[in-house]
Amino acid sequence: MNIPMDTYLVTQSDLSGDRSTTEVVEAAVAGGVDFVQLREKQATARERYVLASDVRELTAEAGVPFVVNDRIDIAAAVDADGVHLGDDDLPIAAARDQLGRDAIVGRSVSTVEAAQAAEDAGADYLGVGAVFATDSKDIDDDEYEIGVERVAAVADAVSIPLVGIGGITASNAADVVAAGADGVAVITEITDAGDPEAATRQLATAVDDGRDRQ
């Protein structure tokens, strides 16, 4: 499966200031974002459904792949392109059963062993991190900052695409891609930016720079 994911936005409305999640996604899409994941773990199921419906409409019009974090039911309800799963979520096989074999199923990992297991289970792509220290995600202390060396090790161990996530900015994104990532996933770098559209473009430039170094 060929999935564009140079720049991958993970939404989180409590970091978006006076902008709505929909407004942030709209700006990121205008900036050329390649992939959007609805996270919004602080929201109720109903609130996530409403947000997912709005974001699905935006991304569908733009031709941008859209997945929902954790909630297979919400992904199915809004006809998302797929779902992104973590350690505490349903297995990849269960997501396929609910969403169909053409759905995009991503998996969060932090070790080579977990990455290989996710690939063997049928994941389409991996989110690897946290690469750098971050306050945006709930991460165990021993997985708090894996560094670009781990990204490189995972990239060498699997054949599916992967994005680095966690503490990534336009200043360090090139290092993550140079280490072997196909792209970078960010929350704060776009969501909390004064100009999310411009921040998306800057991130894409950094990814291109990193790819030139691979």
Protein backbone atom coordinates (compact mmCIF):
# COMPACT_ATOMS: atom_id res chain seq x y z
CA MET A 1 0.00 0.00 0.00
CA ASN A 2 1.47 3.34 -1.08
CA ILE A 3 0.60 5.81 1.66
CA PRO A 4 1.79 9.42 1.41
CA MET A 5 2.98 10.53 4.84
CA ASP A 6 5.79 13.06 4.56
CA THR A 7 3.83 15.35 6.86
CA TYR A 8 1.37 13.69 9.21
CA LEU A 9 -0.86 15.75 11.51
CA VAL A 10 -2.20 14.31 14.75
CA THR A 11 -4.97 16.52 16.12
CA GLN A 12 -5.27 17.64 19.72
CA SER A 13 -7.69 20.48 20.34
CA ASP A 14 -6.37 21.49 23.78
CA LEU A 15 -3.20 22.70 22.05
CA SER A 16 -4.94 24.67 19.32
CA GLY A 17 -5.65 27.85 21.29
CA ASP A 18 -8.66 29.72 19.98
CA ARG A 19 -8.82 27.63 16.80
CA SER A 20 -11.01 24.58 16.40
CA THR A 21 -9.60 21.22 15.34
CA THR A 22 -11.40 21.63 12.04
CA GLU A 23 -9.74 25.00 11.45
CA VAL A 24 -6.31 23.53 12.21
CA VAL A 25 -6.90 20.65 9.81
CA GLU A 26 -8.18 23.02 7.13
CA ALA A 27 -5.03 25.14 7.44
CA ALA A 28 -2.78 22.08 7.39
CA VAL A 29 -4.53 20.77 4.29
CA ALA A 30 -4.00 24.16 2.64
CA GLY A 31 -0.32 23.79 3.56
CA GLY A 32 -0.12 20.43 1.82
CA VAL A 33 -0.32 18.00 4.75
CA ASP A 34 -0.19 14.38 3.56
CA PHE A 35 -2.03 12.52 6.31
CA VAL A 36 -4.36 13.35 9.23
CA GLN A 37 -5.10 11.38 12.38
CA LEU A 38 -7.91 12.43 14.72
CA ARG A 39 -6.65 11.85 18.27
CA GLU A 40 -8.67 14.02 20.69
CA LYS A 41 -8.46 11.58 23.61
CA GLN A 42 -9.87 14.18 25.99
CA ALA A 43 -13.16 14.33 24.04
CA THR A 44 -16.24 12.19 24.60
CA ALA A 45 -17.21 9.57 22.04
CA ARG A 46 -19.97 11.84 20.72
CA GLU A 47 -17.60 14.81 20.45
CA ARG A 48 -15.02 12.69 18.65
CA TYR A 49 -17.68 11.46 16.26
CA VAL A 50 -18.76 15.00 15.39
CA LEU A 51 -15.14 16.11 14.92
CA ALA A 52 -14.35 13.01 12.89
CA SER A 53 -17.30 13.68 10.61
CA ASP A 54 -16.15 17.23 9.95
CA VAL A 55 -12.51 16.23 9.40
CA ARG A 56 -13.55 13.33 7.16
CA GLU A 57 -15.38 15.78 4.92
CA LEU A 58 -12.37 18.11 4.72
CA THR A 59 -9.84 15.38 4.04
CA ALA A 60 -12.05 13.58 1.54
CA GLU A 61 -12.41 16.76 -0.51
CA ALA A 62 -8.63 17.25 -0.43
CA GLY A 63 -7.77 13.60 -1.11
CA VAL A 64 -5.81 13.34 2.15
CA PRO A 65 -5.83 9.99 4.00
CA PHE A 66 -7.64 10.19 7.34
CA VAL A 67 -7.55 7.78 10.27
CA VAL A 68 -9.03 7.80 13.76
CA ASN A 69 -6.91 7.06 16.80
CA ASP A 70 -8.02 4.01 18.81
CA ARG A 71 -11.72 4.06 17.98
CA ILE A 72 -12.52 1.54 15.27
CA ASP A 73 -16.24 2.21 15.74
CA ILE A 74 -15.87 5.93 15.05
CA ALA A 75 -13.63 5.25 12.07
CA ALA A 76 -16.32 2.98 10.63
CA ALA A 77 -19.12 5.43 11.42
CA VAL A 78 -17.55 8.31 9.49
CA ASP A 79 -16.09 6.15 6.70
CA ALA A 80 -12.52 7.09 7.63
CA ASP A 81 -9.70 5.56 5.63
CA GLY A 82 -8.64 3.59 8.67
CA VAL A 83 -7.51 3.58 12.27
CA HIS A 84 -4.32 4.03 14.28
CA LEU A 85 -3.82 1.59 17.15
CA GLY A 86 -1.70 1.47 20.29
CA ASP A 87 -0.75 -1.18 22.82
CA ASP A 88 -4.09 -1.00 24.68
CA ASP A 89 -6.32 -1.06 21.61
CA LEU A 90 -7.91 -3.94 19.74
CA PRO A 91 -5.58 -6.09 17.62
CA ILE A 92 -4.87 -5.26 14.00
CA ALA A 93 -6.87 -8.31 12.87
CA ALA A 94 -9.94 -7.01 14.70
CA ALA A 95 -9.62 -3.66 12.95
CA ARG A 96 -9.46 -5.44 9.60
CA ASP A 97 -12.57 -7.45 10.47
CA GLN A 98 -14.49 -4.26 11.25
CA LEU A 99 -13.13 -1.91 8.58
CA GLY A 100 -12.27 -4.24 5.71
CA ARG A 101 -8.99 -5.38 4.27
CA ASP A 102 -8.52 -2.16 2.27
CA ALA A 103 -8.54 0.01 5.40
CA ILE A 104 -5.33 1.72 6.50
CA VAL A 105 -4.23 0.34 9.86
CA GLY A 106 -1.35 2.04 11.64
CA ARG A 107 0.38 0.94 14.83
CA SER A 108 2.36 2.84 17.46
CA VAL A 109 5.64 1.17 18.43
CA SER A 110 8.83 2.09 20.24
CA THR A 111 11.03 -0.99 19.78
CA VAL A 112 12.32 -3.09 16.91
CA GLU A 113 10.55 -6.16 18.30
CA ALA A 114 7.19 -4.38 18.47
CA ALA A 115 7.69 -3.02 14.95
CA GLN A 116 8.36 -6.48 13.54
CA ALA A 117 5.36 -7.90 15.38
CA ALA A 118 3.12 -5.14 14.02
CA GLU A 119 4.32 -5.75 10.48
CA ASP A 120 3.76 -9.50 10.88
CA ALA A 121 0.23 -8.77 12.16
CA GLY A 122 -0.57 -6.78 9.03
CA ALA A 123 0.00 -3.13 9.94
CA ASP A 124 0.22 -0.82 6.94
CA TYR A 125 2.53 1.69 8.61
CA LEU A 126 4.17 2.45 11.95
CA GLY A 127 4.32 5.48 14.19
CA VAL A 128 7.69 5.21 15.95
CA GLY A 129 8.45 7.18 19.09
CA ALA A 130 8.61 9.18 21.11
CA VAL A 131 11.72 10.17 19.18
CA PHE A 132 12.34 13.23 21.35
CA ALA A 133 10.95 14.31 24.71
CA THR A 134 7.36 15.50 24.45
CA ASP A 135 4.46 16.53 26.65
CA SER A 136 1.86 15.78 23.98
CA LYS A 137 1.59 12.00 24.41
CA ASP A 138 1.25 9.63 27.36
CA ILE A 139 4.47 7.63 27.23
CA ASP A 140 6.08 5.36 29.80
CA ASP A 141 9.33 6.66 31.26
CA ASP A 142 11.41 3.92 29.64
CA GLU A 143 9.99 4.81 26.23
CA TYR A 144 10.08 8.56 26.69
CA GLU A 145 12.81 9.46 24.21
CA ILE A 146 14.05 6.70 21.91
CA GLY A 147 16.22 8.90 19.67
CA VAL A 148 16.95 8.76 15.96
CA GLU A 149 19.14 5.69 16.42
CA ARG A 150 16.07 3.62 17.30
CA VAL A 151 14.24 5.05 14.30
CA ALA A 152 17.10 3.85 12.12
CA ALA A 153 17.02 0.39 13.71
CA VAL A 154 13.27 0.07 13.12
CA ALA A 155 13.61 1.27 9.54
CA ASP A 156 16.23 -1.40 8.92
CA ALA A 157 14.05 -4.11 10.48
CA VAL A 158 10.74 -3.60 8.62
CA SER A 159 9.58 -3.04 5.07
CA ILE A 160 6.42 -1.01 5.76
CA PRO A 161 6.43 2.82 5.94
CA LEU A 162 7.09 4.53 9.25
CA VAL A 163 6.79 8.03 10.64
CA GLY A 164 8.71 9.36 13.58
CA ILE A 165 6.59 10.98 16.27
CA GLY A 166 7.25 12.79 19.52
CA GLY A 167 8.89 16.16 20.00
CA ILE A 168 9.42 16.65 16.29
CA THR A 169 9.81 20.15 14.88
CA ALA A 170 10.92 21.69 11.62
CA SER A 171 14.37 21.97 13.20
CA ASN A 172 14.86 18.25 13.87
CA ALA A 173 12.56 16.58 11.34
CA ALA A 174 15.34 16.24 8.77
CA ASP A 175 17.39 14.17 11.24
CA VAL A 176 14.47 11.78 11.76
CA VAL A 177 13.95 11.28 8.04
CA ALA A 178 17.68 10.99 7.38
CA ALA A 179 17.67 8.13 9.92
CA GLY A 180 15.19 6.23 7.75
CA ALA A 181 11.69 7.48 8.52
CA ASP A 182 9.34 8.04 5.58
CA GLY A 183 7.95 11.13 7.23
CA VAL A 184 7.16 12.81 10.54
CA ALA A 185 4.00 12.96 12.62
CA VAL A 186 3.44 16.04 14.74
CA ILE A 187 0.91 17.50 17.10
CA THR A 188 2.28 20.72 18.57
CA GLU A 189 4.41 21.83 15.63
CA ILE A 190 1.32 22.43 13.49
CA THR A 191 -1.52 22.68 16.01
CA ASP A 192 0.11 25.27 18.26
CA ALA A 193 1.74 27.25 15.45
CA GLY A 194 0.80 30.84 14.85
CA ASP A 195 0.27 29.91 11.20
CA PRO A 196 -0.49 26.17 10.85
CA GLU A 197 -0.45 26.39 7.05
CA ALA A 198 3.05 27.87 6.99
CA ALA A 199 4.21 25.44 9.68
CA THR A 200 3.08 22.53 7.52
CA ARG A 201 5.05 23.85 4.56
CA GLN A 202 8.15 24.33 6.71
CA LEU A 203 7.85 20.79 8.00
CA ALA A 204 7.60 19.46 4.45
CA THR A 205 10.76 21.33 3.49
CA ALA A 206 12.57 19.76 6.44
CA VAL A 207 11.38 16.29 5.39
CA ASP A 208 12.71 16.90 1.89
CA ASP A 209 16.05 17.96 3.37
CA GLY A 210 16.20 14.78 5.41
CA ARG A 211 15.37 12.62 2.42
CA ASP A 212 18.28 14.17 0.52
CA ARG A 213 20.53 12.91 3.33
CA GLN A 214 19.26 9.29 3.28
